[in-house]
Every structure is written in C-alpha cells, then in structure tokens.
C-alpha atoms as a PDB file:
ATOM      1  CA  MET A   1      -9.865  31.825 -10.208  1.00  0.00           C
ATOM      2  CA  PHE A   2      -9.197  29.200 -12.870  1.00  0.00           C
ATOM      3  CA  ASN A   3      -8.436  25.511 -12.384  1.00  0.00           C
ATOM      4  CA  LEU A   4      -6.133  24.316 -15.153  1.00  0.00           C
ATOM      5  CA  ALA A   5      -4.984  20.825 -16.077  1.00  0.00           C
ATOM      6  CA  PHE A   6      -1.747  20.274 -17.976  1.00  0.00           C
ATOM      7  CA  GLY A   7      -0.463  17.190 -19.743  1.00  0.00           C
ATOM      8  CA  ILE A   8       3.245  16.783 -19.028  1.00  0.00           C
ATOM      9  CA  GLU A   9       5.827  14.679 -20.819  1.00  0.00           C
ATOM     10  CA  TYR A  10       9.307  14.128 -19.414  1.00  0.00           C
ATOM     11  CA  ASP A  11      12.430  12.046 -19.590  1.00  0.00           C
ATOM     12  CA  GLY A  12      13.179  11.285 -15.955  1.00  0.00           C
ATOM     13  CA  SER A  13      16.797  10.225 -16.509  1.00  0.00           C
ATOM     14  CA  ASN A  14      18.318  13.385 -15.017  1.00  0.00           C
ATOM     15  CA  TYR A  15      15.979  13.785 -12.036  1.00  0.00           C
ATOM     16  CA  TYR A  16      15.469  12.349  -8.579  1.00  0.00           C
ATOM     17  CA  GLY A  17      11.805  11.768  -9.303  1.00  0.00           C
ATOM     18  CA  TRP A  18       8.708  13.928  -9.150  1.00  0.00           C
ATOM     19  CA  GLU A  19       9.596  15.323  -5.728  1.00  0.00           C
ATOM     20  CA  SER A  20      13.055  15.704  -4.249  1.00  0.00           C
ATOM     21  CA  GLN A  21      14.773  17.560  -1.434  1.00  0.00           C
ATOM     22  CA  ILE A  22      17.296  18.676  -4.044  1.00  0.00           C
ATOM     23  CA  ARG A  23      15.149  21.291  -5.762  1.00  0.00           C
ATOM     24  CA  ILE A  24      17.074  21.571  -9.025  1.00  0.00           C
ATOM     25  CA  TYR A  25      16.529  17.853  -9.657  1.00  0.00           C
ATOM     26  CA  SER A  26      12.825  17.758  -8.799  1.00  0.00           C
ATOM     27  CA  ILE A  27      10.416  17.707 -11.741  1.00  0.00           C
ATOM     28  CA  LYS A  28       7.691  19.256  -9.587  1.00  0.00           C
ATOM     29  CA  ASN A  29       9.829  22.215  -8.516  1.00  0.00           C
ATOM     30  CA  ILE A  30      11.043  22.886 -12.049  1.00  0.00           C
ATOM     31  CA  LEU A  31       7.449  22.902 -13.328  1.00  0.00           C
ATOM     32  CA  GLU A  32       6.197  25.125 -10.517  1.00  0.00           C
ATOM     33  CA  TYR A  33       8.931  27.638 -11.275  1.00  0.00           C
ATOM     34  CA  ALA A  34       8.133  27.706 -15.012  1.00  0.00           C
ATOM     35  CA  ILE A  35       4.352  27.905 -14.547  1.00  0.00           C
ATOM     36  CA  SER A  36       4.691  30.643 -11.915  1.00  0.00           C
ATOM     37  CA  LYS A  37       6.677  32.715 -14.402  1.00  0.00           C
ATOM     38  CA  ILE A  38       3.812  32.687 -16.919  1.00  0.00           C
ATOM     39  CA  ALA A  39       1.061  32.967 -14.291  1.00  0.00           C
ATOM     40  CA  ASN A  40       2.835  35.959 -12.706  1.00  0.00           C
ATOM     41  CA  HIS A  41       2.237  34.508  -9.249  1.00  0.00           C
ATOM     42  CA  LYS A  42       3.419  31.492  -7.265  1.00  0.00           C
ATOM     43  CA  VAL A  43       1.506  28.302  -8.035  1.00  0.00           C
ATOM     44  CA  LYS A  44       1.282  24.912  -6.332  1.00  0.00           C
ATOM     45  CA  ILE A  45       0.779  21.936  -8.627  1.00  0.00           C
ATOM     46  CA  PHE A  46      -0.726  18.508  -7.986  1.00  0.00           C
ATOM     47  CA  CYS A  47       0.103  15.440 -10.074  1.00  0.00           C
ATOM     48  CA  ALA A  48      -1.676  12.205 -10.920  1.00  0.00           C
ATOM     49  CA  GLY A  49       1.293   9.960 -10.203  1.00  0.00           C
ATOM     50  CA  ARG A  50       4.467  10.720  -8.257  1.00  0.00           C
ATOM     51  CA  THR A  51       7.070   9.016 -10.399  1.00  0.00           C
ATOM     52  CA  ASP A  52      10.310   7.722  -8.919  1.00  0.00           C
ATOM     53  CA  SER A  53      13.890   8.662  -9.811  1.00  0.00           C
ATOM     54  CA  GLY A  54      14.678   7.878 -13.447  1.00  0.00           C
ATOM     55  CA  VAL A  55      11.058   7.086 -14.398  1.00  0.00           C
ATOM     56  CA  HIS A  56       9.597   8.798 -17.471  1.00  0.00           C
ATOM     57  CA  ALA A  57       6.133  10.152 -18.202  1.00  0.00           C
ATOM     58  CA  TYR A  58       4.355   9.971 -21.530  1.00  0.00           C
ATOM     59  CA  ASN A  59       1.276  11.779 -20.251  1.00  0.00           C
ATOM     60  CA  GLN A  60       1.502  12.932 -16.641  1.00  0.00           C
ATOM     61  CA  VAL A  61      -1.488  15.052 -15.573  1.00  0.00           C
ATOM     62  CA  ILE A  62      -1.187  18.008 -13.223  1.00  0.00           C
ATOM     63  CA  ASN A  63      -3.538  20.737 -12.084  1.00  0.00           C
ATOM     64  CA  PHE A  64      -3.184  24.098 -10.361  1.00  0.00           C
ATOM     65  CA  LYS A  65      -5.241  27.175  -9.512  1.00  0.00           C
ATOM     66  CA  THR A  66      -4.450  30.549 -11.063  1.00  0.00           C
ATOM     67  CA  ILE A  67      -5.905  34.041 -11.296  1.00  0.00           C
ATOM     68  CA  SER A  68      -4.262  34.565 -14.680  1.00  0.00           C
ATOM     69  CA  LYS A  69      -6.148  34.189 -17.934  1.00  0.00           C
ATOM     70  CA  ARG A  70      -4.112  33.041 -20.933  1.00  0.00           C
ATOM     71  CA  LYS A  71      -4.805  31.377 -24.243  1.00  0.00           C
ATOM     72  CA  LYS A  72      -3.970  27.673 -24.284  1.00  0.00           C
ATOM     73  CA  LYS A  73      -1.250  28.257 -26.849  1.00  0.00           C
ATOM     74  CA  SER A  74       0.258  30.962 -24.649  1.00  0.00           C
ATOM     75  CA  TRP A  75       0.349  28.671 -21.618  1.00  0.00           C
ATOM     76  CA  ILE A  76       2.060  25.877 -23.577  1.00  0.00           C
ATOM     77  CA  ARG A  77       4.624  28.027 -25.377  1.00  0.00           C
ATOM     78  CA  GLY A  78       5.268  30.249 -22.387  1.00  0.00           C
ATOM     79  CA  VAL A  79       5.800  27.507 -19.818  1.00  0.00           C
ATOM     80  CA  ASN A  80       7.887  25.423 -22.218  1.00  0.00           C
ATOM     81  CA  SER A  81      10.202  28.380 -22.788  1.00  0.00           C
ATOM     82  CA  PHE A  82      11.200  28.157 -19.092  1.00  0.00           C
ATOM     83  CA  LEU A  83      11.542  24.357 -19.018  1.00  0.00           C
ATOM     84  CA  PRO A  84      14.585  22.216 -19.812  1.00  0.00           C
ATOM     85  CA  LYS A  85      14.360  20.238 -23.035  1.00  0.00           C
ATOM     86  CA  ASP A  86      13.571  16.960 -21.243  1.00  0.00           C
ATOM     87  CA  ILE A  87      10.311  18.306 -19.732  1.00  0.00           C
ATOM     88  CA  SER A  88       7.399  19.581 -21.866  1.00  0.00           C
ATOM     89  CA  VAL A  89       3.828  20.752 -21.501  1.00  0.00           C
ATOM     90  CA  ILE A  90       1.934  18.952 -24.287  1.00  0.00           C
ATOM     91  CA  TRP A  91      -1.652  20.088 -23.665  1.00  0.00           C
ATOM     92  CA  VAL A  92      -3.662  22.399 -21.425  1.00  0.00           C
ATOM     93  CA  GLN A  93      -7.319  22.325 -20.468  1.00  0.00           C
ATOM     94  CA  ASN A  94      -9.721  24.298 -18.297  1.00  0.00           C
ATOM     95  CA  VAL A  95     -11.295  21.940 -15.757  1.00  0.00           C
ATOM     96  CA  LEU A  96     -14.028  22.023 -13.150  1.00  0.00           C
ATOM     97  CA  ASN A  97     -13.088  23.587  -9.834  1.00  0.00           C
ATOM     98  CA  GLU A  98     -13.387  20.256  -7.999  1.00  0.00           C
ATOM     99  CA  PHE A  99     -10.987  18.475 -10.358  1.00  0.00           C
ATOM    100  CA  HIS A 100      -7.820  17.202  -8.676  1.00  0.00           C
ATOM    101  CA  ALA A 101      -5.163  15.454 -10.764  1.00  0.00           C
ATOM    102  CA  ARG A 102      -4.495  12.830  -8.106  1.00  0.00           C
ATOM    103  CA  TYR A 103      -7.715  12.353  -6.161  1.00  0.00           C
ATOM    104  CA  SER A 104     -10.069  12.531  -9.161  1.00  0.00           C
ATOM    105  CA  ALA A 105      -8.198   9.789 -11.040  1.00  0.00           C
ATOM    106  CA  ILE A 106      -9.912   6.434 -11.557  1.00  0.00           C
ATOM    107  CA  SER A 107      -6.832   4.568 -12.743  1.00  0.00           C
ATOM    108  CA  ARG A 108      -3.247   4.902 -13.884  1.00  0.00           C
ATOM    109  CA  THR A 109      -1.461   2.959 -16.596  1.00  0.00           C
ATOM    110  CA  TYR A 110       2.271   2.292 -16.589  1.00  0.00           C
ATOM    111  CA  ARG A 111       4.312   0.793 -19.411  1.00  0.00           C
ATOM    112  CA  TYR A 112       7.621  -1.011 -18.993  1.00  0.00           C
ATOM    113  CA  ILE A 113       9.782  -1.562 -22.080  1.00  0.00           C
ATOM    114  CA  ILE A 114      12.378  -4.325 -22.243  1.00  0.00           C
ATOM    115  CA  TYR A 115      14.893  -4.425 -25.070  1.00  0.00           C
ATOM    116  CA  ASN A 116      15.412  -8.197 -25.309  1.00  0.00           C
ATOM    117  CA  ASN A 117      18.589  -8.482 -27.323  1.00  0.00           C
ATOM    118  CA  THR A 118      22.073  -9.892 -26.725  1.00  0.00           C
ATOM    119  CA  ILE A 119      23.541  -6.631 -28.049  1.00  0.00           C
ATOM    120  CA  ARG A 120      22.991  -3.436 -26.075  1.00  0.00           C
ATOM    121  CA  SER A 121      21.546  -0.320 -27.673  1.00  0.00           C
ATOM    122  CA  SER A 122      23.288   3.030 -27.219  1.00  0.00           C
ATOM    123  CA  ILE A 123      20.470   5.062 -28.769  1.00  0.00           C
ATOM    124  CA  LEU A 124      17.901   3.570 -26.391  1.00  0.00           C
ATOM    125  CA  LYS A 125      20.036   4.107 -23.296  1.00  0.00           C
ATOM    126  CA  ASN A 126      17.842   5.217 -20.349  1.00  0.00           C
ATOM    127  CA  ARG A 127      14.706   4.591 -22.441  1.00  0.00           C
ATOM    128  CA  VAL A 128      14.544   0.790 -22.121  1.00  0.00           C
ATOM    129  CA  ASN A 129      15.889  -1.966 -19.891  1.00  0.00           C
ATOM    130  CA  ASN A 130      18.245  -4.148 -21.894  1.00  0.00           C
ATOM    131  CA  ILE A 131      17.723  -7.813 -20.922  1.00  0.00           C
ATOM    132  CA  PHE A 132      20.264 -10.027 -22.677  1.00  0.00           C
ATOM    133  CA  PHE A 133      18.824 -13.499 -21.999  1.00  0.00           C
ATOM    134  CA  LYS A 134      15.811 -14.875 -23.850  1.00  0.00           C
ATOM    135  CA  LEU A 135      12.401 -14.379 -22.241  1.00  0.00           C
ATOM    136  CA  ASP A 136       9.272 -16.480 -22.729  1.00  0.00           C
ATOM    137  CA  VAL A 137       6.717 -13.706 -23.274  1.00  0.00           C
ATOM    138  CA  GLU A 138       3.692 -16.000 -23.464  1.00  0.00           C
ATOM    139  CA  LYS A 139       4.581 -17.569 -20.128  1.00  0.00           C
ATOM    140  CA  MET A 140       5.056 -14.120 -18.586  1.00  0.00           C
ATOM    141  CA  ASN A 141       1.675 -12.928 -19.847  1.00  0.00           C
ATOM    142  CA  GLN A 142      -0.170 -16.036 -18.676  1.00  0.00           C
ATOM    143  CA  SER A 143       1.340 -15.750 -15.212  1.00  0.00           C
ATOM    144  CA  SER A 144       0.644 -12.008 -14.972  1.00  0.00           C
ATOM    145  CA  GLN A 145      -3.124 -12.581 -15.164  1.00  0.00           C
ATOM    146  CA  ILE A 146      -2.961 -13.951 -11.617  1.00  0.00           C
ATOM    147  CA  LEU A 147      -2.517 -10.371 -10.411  1.00  0.00           C
ATOM    148  CA  ILE A 148      -5.759  -9.020 -11.884  1.00  0.00           C
ATOM    149  CA  GLY A 149      -8.250  -7.970  -9.235  1.00  0.00           C
ATOM    150  CA  GLU A 150      -7.950  -6.490  -5.758  1.00  0.00           C
ATOM    151  CA  HIS A 151      -5.165  -8.003  -3.664  1.00  0.00           C
ATOM    152  CA  ASP A 152      -2.738  -7.308  -0.877  1.00  0.00           C
ATOM    153  CA  PHE A 153       0.423  -6.419  -2.820  1.00  0.00           C
ATOM    154  CA  SER A 154       2.781  -6.436   0.187  1.00  0.00           C
ATOM    155  CA  SER A 155       5.213  -8.670  -1.722  1.00  0.00           C
ATOM    156  CA  PHE A 156       5.558  -5.963  -4.367  1.00  0.00           C
ATOM    157  CA  ARG A 157       5.888  -2.821  -2.258  1.00  0.00           C
ATOM    158  CA  ALA A 158       9.269  -1.265  -1.487  1.00  0.00           C
ATOM    159  CA  ALA A 159      10.482  -0.864   2.083  1.00  0.00           C
ATOM    160  CA  ARG A 160      10.093   2.943   2.010  1.00  0.00           C
ATOM    161  CA  CYS A 161       6.456   2.799   0.874  1.00  0.00           C
ATOM    162  CA  GLN A 162       4.386   5.157   3.029  1.00  0.00           C
ATOM    163  CA  SER A 163       0.952   4.026   1.894  1.00  0.00           C
ATOM    164  CA  TYR A 164      -1.441   3.174   4.731  1.00  0.00           C
ATOM    165  CA  SER A 165      -2.879   0.167   2.870  1.00  0.00           C
ATOM    166  CA  SER A 166      -1.094  -2.399   0.702  1.00  0.00           C
ATOM    167  CA  PHE A 167      -4.317  -3.313  -1.124  1.00  0.00           C
ATOM    168  CA  ARG A 168      -4.549  -2.251  -4.761  1.00  0.00           C
ATOM    169  CA  LYS A 169      -6.738  -3.284  -7.686  1.00  0.00           C
ATOM    170  CA  ILE A 170      -5.101  -4.240 -10.970  1.00  0.00           C
ATOM    171  CA  ILE A 171      -7.598  -3.750 -13.780  1.00  0.00           C
ATOM    172  CA  HIS A 172      -5.526  -4.837 -16.760  1.00  0.00           C
ATOM    173  CA  ILE A 173      -2.104  -6.336 -17.415  1.00  0.00           C
ATOM    174  CA  ASN A 174      -0.644  -7.381 -20.743  1.00  0.00           C
ATOM    175  CA  VAL A 175       2.800  -8.671 -21.705  1.00  0.00           C
ATOM    176  CA  TYR A 176       3.617  -8.873 -25.397  1.00  0.00           C
ATOM    177  CA  ARG A 177       6.498  -8.764 -27.840  1.00  0.00           C
ATOM    178  CA  LYS A 178       6.738  -6.136 -30.551  1.00  0.00           C
ATOM    179  CA  LYS A 179       9.112  -5.960 -33.520  1.00  0.00           C
ATOM    180  CA  LYS A 180      11.227  -8.915 -32.389  1.00  0.00           C
ATOM    181  CA  TYR A 181      13.363  -7.262 -29.704  1.00  0.00           C
ATOM    182  CA  PHE A 182      10.878  -5.222 -27.657  1.00  0.00           C
ATOM    183  CA  ILE A 183       8.822  -6.671 -24.810  1.00  0.00           C
ATOM    184  CA  ILE A 184       6.046  -4.384 -23.563  1.00  0.00           C
ATOM    185  CA  ILE A 185       4.406  -4.739 -20.150  1.00  0.00           C
ATOM    186  CA  ASP A 186       1.313  -2.579 -19.632  1.00  0.00           C
ATOM    187  CA  ILE A 187      -0.305  -2.452 -16.195  1.00  0.00           C
ATOM    188  CA  THR A 188      -3.444  -0.518 -15.262  1.00  0.00           C
ATOM    189  CA  ALA A 189      -4.548  -0.198 -11.631  1.00  0.00           C
ATOM    190  CA  ASN A 190      -6.594   2.122  -9.454  1.00  0.00           C
ATOM    191  CA  ALA A 191      -3.305   3.142  -7.826  1.00  0.00           C
ATOM    192  CA  PHE A 192       0.183   1.772  -7.247  1.00  0.00           C
ATOM    193  CA  LEU A 193       2.415   1.210  -4.248  1.00  0.00           C
ATOM    194  CA  TYR A 194       5.972   2.527  -4.171  1.00  0.00           C
ATOM    195  CA  ARG A 195       7.967   0.640  -6.857  1.00  0.00           C
ATOM    196  CA  MET A 196       5.114  -1.834  -7.292  1.00  0.00           C
ATOM    197  CA  VAL A 197       5.374  -1.915 -11.101  1.00  0.00           C
ATOM    198  CA  ARG A 198       9.136  -2.442 -11.093  1.00  0.00           C
ATOM    199  CA  ASN A 199       8.804  -5.256  -8.558  1.00  0.00           C
ATOM    200  CA  ILE A 200       6.085  -6.976 -10.578  1.00  0.00           C
ATOM    201  CA  VAL A 201       8.225  -6.733 -13.716  1.00  0.00           C
ATOM    202  CA  GLY A 202      11.163  -8.206 -11.795  1.00  0.00           C
ATOM    203  CA  ALA A 203       9.055 -11.226 -10.840  1.00  0.00           C
ATOM    204  CA  LEU A 204       7.792 -11.666 -14.405  1.00  0.00           C
ATOM    205  CA  ILE A 205      11.364 -11.649 -15.707  1.00  0.00           C
ATOM    206  CA  GLU A 206      12.249 -14.497 -13.333  1.00  0.00           C
ATOM    207  CA  ILE A 207       9.345 -16.463 -14.787  1.00  0.00           C
ATOM    208  CA  GLY A 208      10.158 -15.500 -18.367  1.00  0.00           C
ATOM    209  CA  ARG A 209      13.759 -16.701 -18.132  1.00  0.00           C
ATOM    210  CA  GLY A 210      12.648 -20.051 -16.673  1.00  0.00           C
ATOM    211  CA  ARG A 211      13.913 -19.641 -13.134  1.00  0.00           C
ATOM    212  CA  LYS A 212      10.404 -19.761 -11.690  1.00  0.00           C
ATOM    213  CA  SER A 213       7.156 -21.473 -12.679  1.00  0.00           C
ATOM    214  CA  LYS A 214       4.011 -19.626 -13.746  1.00  0.00           C
ATOM    215  CA  SER A 215       2.358 -20.453 -10.406  1.00  0.00           C
ATOM    216  CA  TRP A 216       5.218 -18.852  -8.449  1.00  0.00           C
ATOM    217  CA  LEU A 217       3.636 -15.422  -8.875  1.00  0.00           C
ATOM    218  CA  LEU A 218       0.547 -16.609  -6.981  1.00  0.00           C
ATOM    219  CA  TYR A 219       2.775 -17.933  -4.204  1.00  0.00           C
ATOM    220  CA  ILE A 220       4.576 -14.588  -3.933  1.00  0.00           C
ATOM    221  CA  LEU A 221       1.288 -12.678  -3.942  1.00  0.00           C
ATOM    222  CA  ASN A 222      -0.157 -14.813  -1.139  1.00  0.00           C
ATOM    223  CA  ILE A 223       2.923 -14.943   1.083  1.00  0.00           C
ATOM    224  CA  LYS A 224       2.973 -11.121   1.434  1.00  0.00           C
ATOM    225  CA  ASN A 225       6.723 -10.944   1.957  1.00  0.00           C
ATOM    226  CA  ARG A 226       8.816  -8.634  -0.202  1.00  0.00           C
ATOM    227  CA  LYS A 227      12.057 -10.409   0.768  1.00  0.00           C
ATOM    228  CA  LEU A 228      10.924 -13.609  -0.957  1.00  0.00           C
ATOM    229  CA  SER A 229      10.121 -11.922  -4.268  1.00  0.00           C
ATOM    230  CA  ALA A 230      12.369 -10.959  -7.189  1.00  0.00           C
ATOM    231  CA  PRO A 231      14.817  -8.022  -7.383  1.00  0.00           C
ATOM    232  CA  THR A 232      13.516  -4.597  -8.407  1.00  0.00           C
ATOM    233  CA  VAL A 233      14.196  -3.843 -12.071  1.00  0.00           C
ATOM    234  CA  LEU A 234      15.880  -0.650 -13.253  1.00  0.00           C
ATOM    235  CA  ALA A 235      13.866   2.565 -13.566  1.00  0.00           C
ATOM    236  CA  GLN A 236      14.816   3.107 -17.196  1.00  0.00           C
ATOM    237  CA  GLY A 237      12.136   1.548 -19.334  1.00  0.00           C
ATOM    238  CA  LEU A 238       9.286   2.607 -17.025  1.00  0.00           C
ATOM    239  CA  TYR A 239       6.757   5.183 -18.246  1.00  0.00           C
ATOM    240  CA  LEU A 240       3.647   6.704 -16.706  1.00  0.00           C
ATOM    241  CA  LEU A 241       1.558   6.151 -19.799  1.00  0.00           C
ATOM    242  CA  SER A 242      -1.913   7.561 -19.095  1.00  0.00           C
ATOM    243  CA  ILE A 243      -4.425   8.573 -16.424  1.00  0.00           C
ATOM    244  CA  SER A 244      -8.184   7.914 -16.536  1.00  0.00           C
ATOM    245  CA  TYR A 245     -10.801  10.225 -15.029  1.00  0.00           C
ATOM    246  CA  PRO A 246     -14.616  10.245 -14.776  1.00  0.00           C
ATOM    247  CA  LYS A 247     -16.181  11.318 -18.064  1.00  0.00           C
ATOM    248  CA  HIS A 248     -17.717  14.520 -16.696  1.00  0.00           C
ATOM    249  CA  PHE A 249     -14.228  16.019 -16.280  1.00  0.00           C
ATOM    250  CA  ASN A 250     -13.640  15.662 -20.031  1.00  0.00           C
ATOM    251  CA  ILE A 251      -9.968  14.833 -19.570  1.00  0.00           C
ATOM    252  CA  PHE A 252      -8.628  13.026 -22.605  1.00  0.00           C
ATOM    253  CA  ASN A 253      -5.321  11.211 -22.942  1.00  0.00           C
ATOM    254  CA  GLN A 254      -3.843  13.627 -25.428  1.00  0.00           C
ATOM    255  CA  ASN A 255      -0.261  13.403 -26.562  1.00  0.00           C
ATOM    256  CA  MET A 256       1.506  14.669 -29.645  1.00  0.00           C
ATOM    257  CA  ASN A 257       4.673  12.644 -29.069  1.00  0.00           C
ATOM    258  CA  TYR A 258       5.042   9.547 -31.226  1.00  0.00           C
ATOM    259  CA  PHE A 259       7.892   7.858 -29.370  1.00  0.00           C
ATOM    260  CA  PHE A 260       5.983   4.599 -29.022  1.00  0.00           C
ATOM    261  CA  SER A 261       4.704   4.548 -32.598  1.00  0.00           C
ATOM    262  CA  PHE A 262       7.843   2.946 -34.015  1.00  0.00           C
ATOM    263  CA  LEU A 263       7.836   0.089 -31.512  1.00  0.00           C
END
C-alpha cells in the first residue's frame, strides 16, 4: 500500500467548493473519479484546506492510499487526462504512511487579490475582486497586524461554521500594493474558520476606504460578534496559496504555474 500526496491547482469559478452535494460540481468528487481511473480502484482523498464555492487553489495538497504503483509522470499525465481543464495535478510525491494532508499541516496560507482600479477588467474576471474606490494600503497593513497571534475570531466566522472552537492563530499577515492596481493580502494561520479570510478582508477594506479607523479592527476582534463586522467579500480573488508541514515529511510547496509572477 502506498500513501501518495498530490499538489492540485484549480480555478474554483465553476464549482460549489471542495465538497458539494451536487457531485458534478464538487472538486473532490471530480478528483476522486480521475484518480480512481488511473489507480484502477476506488480511492478516497483528503485535502489540506476545504475551499469554499468560487475559491481557487494555487497549491492544494491532497493524499490518498493506493495499491497501484505508477511512475510520477504517469500519475500526473494520467489523472490530468480525466480532469477538466480548470483542475490540474501539478506534482506527486510518495509520503510516509502517517502523513495526512489535513491533520499533518502546520499552517495554511491564503492570498486575496484586489484589482484596485476605476475600470473593470474582463480578462481578470473571477480571478480578482475589482474594488473601484481608492484604498489606503499602508493603513490596511498597519491595522491588520492587530490580528497576529492566537485569538477568538468569532467576529470573522460565518454563521454556518461548524468548527468546535473559534480560536485560531494567525502567524503572518501582509497587505501590499503591486504594480499600481493590485493589492495583495497574504494571511498565514494554523487553520481558518469558515469564510474567515473573506471576512477579515472585508473589514480591512472598510478601513482602507476610510470608513473605519485602524483601531476598529481591535474592537471587532474583542467584541466577538459577526453582525457588527464588515460584509463578506466575494470569493473571486481568494486563493489557497500554500500548505506547510513538518520537515520530516519532505513536502515542498512546488508549483509550475506562474500566474502570480506577472503581478
């Protein structure tokens, strides 16, 4: 029996998220079907982060057990031949038997991309969130540092969140502008609550446009009331960027897609 890890890239625009009751629009079900075809037996996959409807992945990590032995190139080419063009296997790796894509992860990093221009982009549709009003990026970044550390993020969890605890630890957060029109928000945490990233970004936008002060984020964090926070931003523009694991698993953040390189 082999334990394999795959790196998965996908455009989530056409799907109802990682898991869905509607099988044809579930990324997980589509992948399990394609992998099972090459493995010649039914497989069950586990992912590092269950992305929501419309959310993309730059480097999602999955693992599954199989009795089939294939070359890495054969796994990649074979599985991709059964996948739609907006989902791809980008790397494959043999891993220790105890490796689990979700439970072995130390942290996850998400990236949110704002296209801050008064003119909308057709080419970047579903890839960025077009915000037409000017945003103060420095103010947004300064305020965001309040969230670093372990906190109760009740004010940033969606109503349908099923997590037992609302405590999460944000390790790193950075808001910066790139090439004039792009605002990048990178957030790394041990784990995330349902729609936590999109709710944080929504609050930062309120601060960036001058509706709220920098200290307002601390108030929202402490009050632990989602109803008093900002609206949830759109899913387009959100990417599962990378997953970190303990060194002994030898999982590297590999990706051969250069989508972000031009930003």
